Amino acid sequence: MAGCIFCKIINGEIESDIVFENDKIIAFRDLNPQAPIHILIIPRKHISRIEDLKKQDSSLMGDLVFAAKQIAVKMNVKGGYRLVFNNGSNAGQEVEHIHLHLLAGRKFTWPAG
């Protein structure tokens, strides 16, 4: 989608520190990390929000979670990690392109905030 910063990363228009990619997904380090390890995992297909998902996107969402597991293994994450989807501005979604945050490298508290 024109103007989407994540689509520009996917298309190679904006450089990023890519840690994982395949034909459906790309993952890169967050520019404003909230933990020592903070990776954004996004589908190559532009989907703005969770409510925009279609039934045919359900396996893609599973692929995002499985990619998070692969990234955690690749990065040798020990002691656990947090996976977060923010949906909408009130939930903290800043980029209108579905993305999964993988956060690790420190102890997290609950509630998340």
N, C-alpha and C. Protein backbone atom coordinates (compact mmCIF):
# COMPACT_ATOMS: atom_id res chain seq x y z
N MET A 1 0.84 -1.18 0.00
CA MET A 1 0.00 0.00 0.00
C MET A 1 0.89 1.25 0.00
N ALA A 2 0.57 2.17 -0.83
CA ALA A 2 1.36 3.39 -0.96
C ALA A 2 1.43 4.14 0.38
N GLY A 3 2.62 4.56 0.75
CA GLY A 3 2.80 5.33 1.96
C GLY A 3 3.04 4.50 3.21
N CYS A 4 2.82 3.20 3.15
CA CYS A 4 3.02 2.34 4.32
C CYS A 4 4.52 2.09 4.50
N ILE A 5 5.04 2.47 5.65
CA ILE A 5 6.48 2.32 5.91
C ILE A 5 6.90 0.86 5.87
N PHE A 6 6.04 -0.04 6.35
CA PHE A 6 6.40 -1.46 6.32
C PHE A 6 6.40 -2.00 4.89
N CYS A 7 5.48 -1.54 4.07
CA CYS A 7 5.48 -1.95 2.65
C CYS A 7 6.75 -1.44 1.96
N LYS A 8 7.21 -0.26 2.36
CA LYS A 8 8.45 0.27 1.78
C LYS A 8 9.65 -0.58 2.21
N ILE A 9 9.64 -1.08 3.43
CA ILE A 9 10.70 -1.99 3.88
C ILE A 9 10.64 -3.28 3.07
N ILE A 10 9.45 -3.82 2.90
CA ILE A 10 9.26 -5.05 2.12
C ILE A 10 9.78 -4.87 0.70
N ASN A 11 9.51 -3.72 0.11
CA ASN A 11 9.91 -3.44 -1.28
C ASN A 11 11.36 -2.99 -1.41
N GLY A 12 12.08 -2.88 -0.30
CA GLY A 12 13.48 -2.49 -0.34
C GLY A 12 13.70 -0.99 -0.51
N GLU A 13 12.65 -0.20 -0.35
CA GLU A 13 12.76 1.26 -0.47
C GLU A 13 13.35 1.89 0.78
N ILE A 14 13.21 1.21 1.90
CA ILE A 14 13.76 1.66 3.18
C ILE A 14 14.60 0.53 3.73
N GLU A 15 15.83 0.83 4.15
CA GLU A 15 16.71 -0.16 4.73
C GLU A 15 16.26 -0.53 6.13
N SER A 16 16.47 -1.79 6.47
CA SER A 16 16.19 -2.23 7.83
C SER A 16 17.14 -3.38 8.17
N ASP A 17 17.22 -3.67 9.44
CA ASP A 17 18.08 -4.76 9.92
C ASP A 17 17.24 -6.04 9.93
N ILE A 18 17.20 -6.71 8.80
CA ILE A 18 16.36 -7.90 8.62
C ILE A 18 17.01 -9.09 9.32
N VAL A 19 16.20 -9.80 10.12
CA VAL A 19 16.69 -10.97 10.84
C VAL A 19 16.08 -12.26 10.32
N PHE A 20 15.01 -12.15 9.53
CA PHE A 20 14.33 -13.34 9.00
C PHE A 20 13.48 -12.90 7.81
N GLU A 21 13.43 -13.76 6.80
CA GLU A 21 12.47 -13.53 5.73
C GLU A 21 12.23 -14.81 4.96
N ASN A 22 11.03 -14.90 4.43
CA ASN A 22 10.67 -15.96 3.50
C ASN A 22 9.67 -15.38 2.51
N ASP A 23 8.99 -16.21 1.76
CA ASP A 23 8.10 -15.69 0.73
C ASP A 23 6.86 -15.00 1.27
N LYS A 24 6.51 -15.22 2.56
CA LYS A 24 5.30 -14.64 3.14
C LYS A 24 5.57 -13.58 4.21
N ILE A 25 6.76 -13.65 4.81
CA ILE A 25 7.03 -12.86 6.02
C ILE A 25 8.41 -12.22 5.94
N ILE A 26 8.52 -11.06 6.59
CA ILE A 26 9.81 -10.43 6.79
C ILE A 26 9.85 -9.95 8.25
N ALA A 27 11.01 -10.06 8.87
CA ALA A 27 11.16 -9.64 10.27
C ALA A 27 12.44 -8.82 10.41
N PHE A 28 12.35 -7.77 11.21
CA PHE A 28 13.48 -6.85 11.36
C PHE A 28 13.47 -6.24 12.74
N ARG A 29 14.62 -5.70 13.13
CA ARG A 29 14.75 -5.06 14.44
C ARG A 29 13.96 -3.75 14.48
N ASP A 30 13.27 -3.54 15.60
CA ASP A 30 12.51 -2.32 15.81
C ASP A 30 13.48 -1.15 16.01
N LEU A 31 13.20 -0.02 15.40
CA LEU A 31 14.06 1.17 15.54
C LEU A 31 13.94 1.82 16.91
N ASN A 32 12.85 1.53 17.62
CA ASN A 32 12.64 2.08 18.96
C ASN A 32 12.40 0.91 19.92
N PRO A 33 13.45 0.12 20.18
CA PRO A 33 13.25 -1.13 20.95
C PRO A 33 12.78 -0.89 22.38
N GLN A 34 11.86 -1.74 22.80
CA GLN A 34 11.33 -1.70 24.16
C GLN A 34 11.91 -2.82 25.03
N ALA A 35 12.85 -3.55 24.46
CA ALA A 35 13.55 -4.63 25.16
C ALA A 35 14.87 -4.84 24.43
N PRO A 36 15.83 -5.52 25.07
CA PRO A 36 17.10 -5.77 24.39
C PRO A 36 16.93 -6.47 23.03
N ILE A 37 15.95 -7.36 22.94
CA ILE A 37 15.59 -7.95 21.65
C ILE A 37 14.17 -7.50 21.35
N HIS A 38 14.00 -6.78 20.26
CA HIS A 38 12.67 -6.31 19.85
C HIS A 38 12.59 -6.42 18.34
N ILE A 39 11.88 -7.45 17.88
CA ILE A 39 11.77 -7.75 16.46
C ILE A 39 10.33 -7.53 16.02
N LEU A 40 10.15 -6.92 14.87
CA LEU A 40 8.83 -6.78 14.26
C LEU A 40 8.71 -7.83 13.16
N ILE A 41 7.64 -8.60 13.21
CA ILE A 41 7.41 -9.68 12.26
C ILE A 41 6.15 -9.31 11.49
N ILE A 42 6.29 -9.15 10.16
CA ILE A 42 5.16 -8.65 9.37
C ILE A 42 4.91 -9.55 8.16
N PRO A 43 3.65 -9.61 7.75
CA PRO A 43 3.36 -10.31 6.50
C PRO A 43 3.75 -9.42 5.32
N ARG A 44 4.20 -10.04 4.25
CA ARG A 44 4.48 -9.27 3.03
C ARG A 44 3.18 -8.71 2.45
N LYS A 45 2.09 -9.40 2.70
CA LYS A 45 0.77 -8.94 2.25
C LYS A 45 0.32 -7.80 3.17
N HIS A 46 -0.09 -6.68 2.58
CA HIS A 46 -0.56 -5.57 3.41
C HIS A 46 -1.96 -5.86 3.95
N ILE A 47 -2.04 -5.93 5.26
CA ILE A 47 -3.31 -6.01 5.98
C ILE A 47 -3.20 -4.98 7.07
N SER A 48 -4.10 -4.01 7.09
CA SER A 48 -3.97 -2.88 8.02
C SER A 48 -4.14 -3.27 9.48
N ARG A 49 -5.22 -3.99 9.78
CA ARG A 49 -5.56 -4.31 11.16
C ARG A 49 -6.13 -5.72 11.25
N ILE A 50 -6.22 -6.21 12.45
CA ILE A 50 -6.76 -7.55 12.65
C ILE A 50 -8.20 -7.65 12.14
N GLU A 51 -8.99 -6.62 12.32
CA GLU A 51 -10.37 -6.69 11.83
C GLU A 51 -10.46 -6.73 10.30
N ASP A 52 -9.37 -6.48 9.62
CA ASP A 52 -9.34 -6.56 8.16
C ASP A 52 -8.95 -7.95 7.65
N LEU A 53 -8.65 -8.87 8.58
CA LEU A 53 -8.29 -10.23 8.18
C LEU A 53 -9.47 -10.93 7.51
N LYS A 54 -9.14 -11.76 6.55
CA LYS A 54 -10.11 -12.63 5.88
C LYS A 54 -9.83 -14.06 6.32
N LYS A 55 -10.80 -14.93 6.14
CA LYS A 55 -10.63 -16.35 6.52
C LYS A 55 -9.36 -16.92 5.89
N GLN A 56 -9.08 -16.55 4.64
CA GLN A 56 -7.90 -17.10 3.95
C GLN A 56 -6.58 -16.59 4.55
N ASP A 57 -6.63 -15.60 5.43
CA ASP A 57 -5.42 -15.08 6.08
C ASP A 57 -5.07 -15.83 7.36
N SER A 58 -5.92 -16.75 7.80
CA SER A 58 -5.69 -17.40 9.10
C SER A 58 -4.38 -18.19 9.12
N SER A 59 -4.02 -18.85 8.04
CA SER A 59 -2.75 -19.59 8.05
C SER A 59 -1.57 -18.62 8.05
N LEU A 60 -1.72 -17.46 7.43
CA LEU A 60 -0.66 -16.45 7.44
C LEU A 60 -0.40 -15.97 8.87
N MET A 61 -1.44 -15.81 9.66
CA MET A 61 -1.27 -15.38 11.04
C MET A 61 -0.52 -16.45 11.84
N GLY A 62 -0.83 -17.71 11.57
CA GLY A 62 -0.08 -18.79 12.20
C GLY A 62 1.37 -18.78 11.78
N ASP A 63 1.61 -18.44 10.50
CA ASP A 63 2.99 -18.34 10.01
C ASP A 63 3.77 -17.26 10.75
N LEU A 64 3.10 -16.16 11.11
CA LEU A 64 3.78 -15.09 11.87
C LEU A 64 4.25 -15.62 13.23
N VAL A 65 3.38 -16.35 13.90
CA VAL A 65 3.73 -16.89 15.21
C VAL A 65 4.84 -17.94 15.08
N PHE A 66 4.75 -18.80 14.07
CA PHE A 66 5.79 -19.80 13.87
C PHE A 66 7.13 -19.13 13.53
N ALA A 67 7.09 -18.05 12.76
CA ALA A 67 8.32 -17.30 12.46
C ALA A 67 8.92 -16.75 13.74
N ALA A 68 8.07 -16.29 14.66
CA ALA A 68 8.57 -15.78 15.96
C ALA A 68 9.34 -16.87 16.69
N LYS A 69 8.81 -18.08 16.68
CA LYS A 69 9.50 -19.20 17.31
C LYS A 69 10.84 -19.45 16.65
N GLN A 70 10.88 -19.44 15.32
CA GLN A 70 12.13 -19.67 14.59
C GLN A 70 13.15 -18.58 14.89
N ILE A 71 12.69 -17.34 14.97
CA ILE A 71 13.59 -16.22 15.26
C ILE A 71 14.15 -16.35 16.68
N ALA A 72 13.29 -16.71 17.64
CA ALA A 72 13.75 -16.87 19.03
C ALA A 72 14.83 -17.95 19.11
N VAL A 73 14.65 -19.03 18.38
CA VAL A 73 15.66 -20.09 18.36
C VAL A 73 16.95 -19.58 17.72
N LYS A 74 16.80 -18.92 16.57
CA LYS A 74 17.97 -18.39 15.84
C LYS A 74 18.76 -17.39 16.69
N MET A 75 18.05 -16.58 17.49
CA MET A 75 18.70 -15.56 18.31
C MET A 75 19.09 -16.09 19.69
N ASN A 76 18.88 -17.39 19.90
CA ASN A 76 19.26 -18.04 21.15
C ASN A 76 18.61 -17.38 22.37
N VAL A 77 17.33 -17.05 22.25
CA VAL A 77 16.59 -16.43 23.34
C VAL A 77 16.42 -17.45 24.46
N LYS A 78 16.79 -17.07 25.65
CA LYS A 78 16.68 -17.93 26.83
C LYS A 78 15.73 -17.28 27.83
N GLY A 79 14.98 -18.09 28.55
CA GLY A 79 14.15 -17.58 29.64
C GLY A 79 12.80 -17.06 29.22
N GLY A 80 12.45 -17.16 27.95
CA GLY A 80 11.13 -16.75 27.50
C GLY A 80 11.14 -15.46 26.70
N TYR A 81 10.00 -15.20 26.11
CA TYR A 81 9.81 -13.99 25.31
C TYR A 81 8.33 -13.66 25.26
N ARG A 82 8.04 -12.44 24.90
CA ARG A 82 6.66 -11.97 24.79
C ARG A 82 6.34 -11.70 23.33
N LEU A 83 5.14 -12.12 22.91
CA LEU A 83 4.62 -11.81 21.59
C LEU A 83 3.41 -10.91 21.74
N VAL A 84 3.38 -9.81 20.95
CA VAL A 84 2.31 -8.82 21.10
C VAL A 84 1.82 -8.36 19.73
N PHE A 85 0.49 -8.37 19.58
CA PHE A 85 -0.17 -7.68 18.47
C PHE A 85 -0.87 -6.48 19.06
N ASN A 86 -0.60 -5.28 18.56
CA ASN A 86 -1.37 -4.09 18.92
C ASN A 86 -2.35 -3.86 17.78
N ASN A 87 -3.61 -3.59 18.10
CA ASN A 87 -4.63 -3.42 17.08
C ASN A 87 -5.39 -2.13 17.30
N GLY A 88 -5.07 -1.12 16.52
CA GLY A 88 -5.71 0.19 16.64
C GLY A 88 -4.90 1.13 17.51
N SER A 89 -5.16 2.40 17.35
CA SER A 89 -4.36 3.43 18.04
C SER A 89 -4.49 3.35 19.56
N ASN A 90 -5.66 3.01 20.10
CA ASN A 90 -5.81 2.90 21.55
C ASN A 90 -4.99 1.75 22.13
N ALA A 91 -4.65 0.79 21.30
CA ALA A 91 -3.83 -0.35 21.75
C ALA A 91 -2.35 -0.12 21.47
N GLY A 92 -2.01 1.01 20.86
CA GLY A 92 -0.61 1.32 20.60
C GLY A 92 -0.13 1.00 19.19
N GLN A 93 -1.04 0.64 18.28
CA GLN A 93 -0.62 0.37 16.91
C GLN A 93 -0.25 1.69 16.23
N GLU A 94 1.02 1.82 15.84
CA GLU A 94 1.50 3.05 15.22
C GLU A 94 1.57 2.95 13.70
N VAL A 95 1.74 1.74 13.18
CA VAL A 95 1.80 1.53 11.73
C VAL A 95 0.62 0.67 11.33
N GLU A 96 -0.16 1.14 10.38
CA GLU A 96 -1.35 0.42 9.91
C GLU A 96 -0.95 -0.69 8.95
N HIS A 97 -0.26 -1.67 9.48
CA HIS A 97 0.13 -2.90 8.78
C HIS A 97 0.33 -3.92 9.89
N ILE A 98 -0.47 -4.97 9.89
CA ILE A 98 -0.37 -5.96 10.97
C ILE A 98 1.08 -6.33 11.21
N HIS A 99 1.45 -6.35 12.48
CA HIS A 99 2.80 -6.76 12.85
C HIS A 99 2.80 -7.37 14.24
N LEU A 100 3.66 -8.34 14.39
CA LEU A 100 3.82 -9.05 15.65
C LEU A 100 5.14 -8.62 16.26
N HIS A 101 5.09 -8.18 17.52
CA HIS A 101 6.31 -7.82 18.25
C HIS A 101 6.82 -9.05 18.97
N LEU A 102 8.10 -9.32 18.82
CA LEU A 102 8.79 -10.33 19.63
C LEU A 102 9.73 -9.55 20.54
N LEU A 103 9.49 -9.66 21.84
CA LEU A 103 10.29 -8.94 22.84
C LEU A 103 10.95 -9.95 23.77
N ALA A 104 12.24 -9.74 24.01
CA ALA A 104 12.98 -10.66 24.88
C ALA A 104 14.21 -9.96 25.44
N GLY A 105 14.87 -10.67 26.35
CA GLY A 105 16.12 -10.15 26.90
C GLY A 105 15.99 -9.41 28.21
N ARG A 106 14.78 -9.36 28.75
CA ARG A 106 14.57 -8.77 30.07
C ARG A 106 13.32 -9.39 30.68
N LYS A 107 13.12 -9.19 31.95
CA LYS A 107 11.91 -9.69 32.63
C LYS A 107 10.77 -8.72 32.36
N PHE A 108 9.61 -9.28 32.04
CA PHE A 108 8.42 -8.46 31.79
C PHE A 108 7.46 -8.59 32.95
N THR A 109 6.67 -7.55 33.16
CA THR A 109 5.67 -7.56 34.23
C THR A 109 4.29 -7.64 33.60
N TRP A 110 3.30 -7.85 34.49
CA TRP A 110 1.92 -7.90 34.06
C TRP A 110 1.09 -7.17 35.08
N PRO A 111 0.11 -6.37 34.68
CA PRO A 111 -0.36 -6.19 33.31
C PRO A 111 0.62 -5.40 32.48
N ALA A 112 0.46 -5.57 31.17
CA ALA A 112 1.43 -5.01 30.22
C ALA A 112 1.41 -3.49 30.20
N GLY A 113 0.32 -2.86 30.47
CA GLY A 113 0.34 -1.41 30.51
C GLY A 113 -0.52 -0.82 29.49
